[in-house]
Amino acid sequence: MATTTVTCDIVSSDLLGGSNASSELSIASDTKLYQHGTTGTGLEQLNYHRAVIPTGTNFDLIQDSAALSDKANYVYIALKNTDETDYVILSIYDKVIGRLYGGDGGGDWAFFPWSDNTTATGGVDDPSGADSSIEIQAYTHDCEIEYMLFHSGETLLTASDS
């Protein structure tokens, strides 16, 4: 089984104000990506893509799939633009979950768990139940993004699914 560890470090010498050592902030956290219901079986697959999102285009980045329902799934999205005025808006169905901005050396990124459980909310916001796709829209300029879906695996139902 694959072992994938995600690490996040947040460090600032002046965020808390003041010039002494007690004003420094340092937070570190890591987690291993395991399959749902286990503490030792790693996620088996990932889908990796790079894309250019044209300005004003709303693009389904990761579409809902019954094969991903009720399982451990994690999403990583990074905006690669270096211009700090470039940004994308991330949403799930019609709910905005945030913005990623460009920046020197590459832009903002997001990493979050994602549940494709269309049956839990189907009919509440969207009668078709198609309300868990992750969408992205580019503003100011075309935006280059990189994204990954870490998951337990999709089972192909027929040869036409490949």
Foldseek 3Di string as FASTA:
>chain_A
DDKDKDKDWDWDCAPQHDRDNVSIDIDIDMDIAAKPPDDPHHADDKDKDKDWAFAFDKFQPFFFDPQQAPMWKKKKKFWFAADQVKKKWKDFQPHTPDMKGHHHRGTDMDMDTAHRHLVVCAPPPHVVSRGGTIIMHIHDGTIMMMMMMGTNDGDDPDPVVD
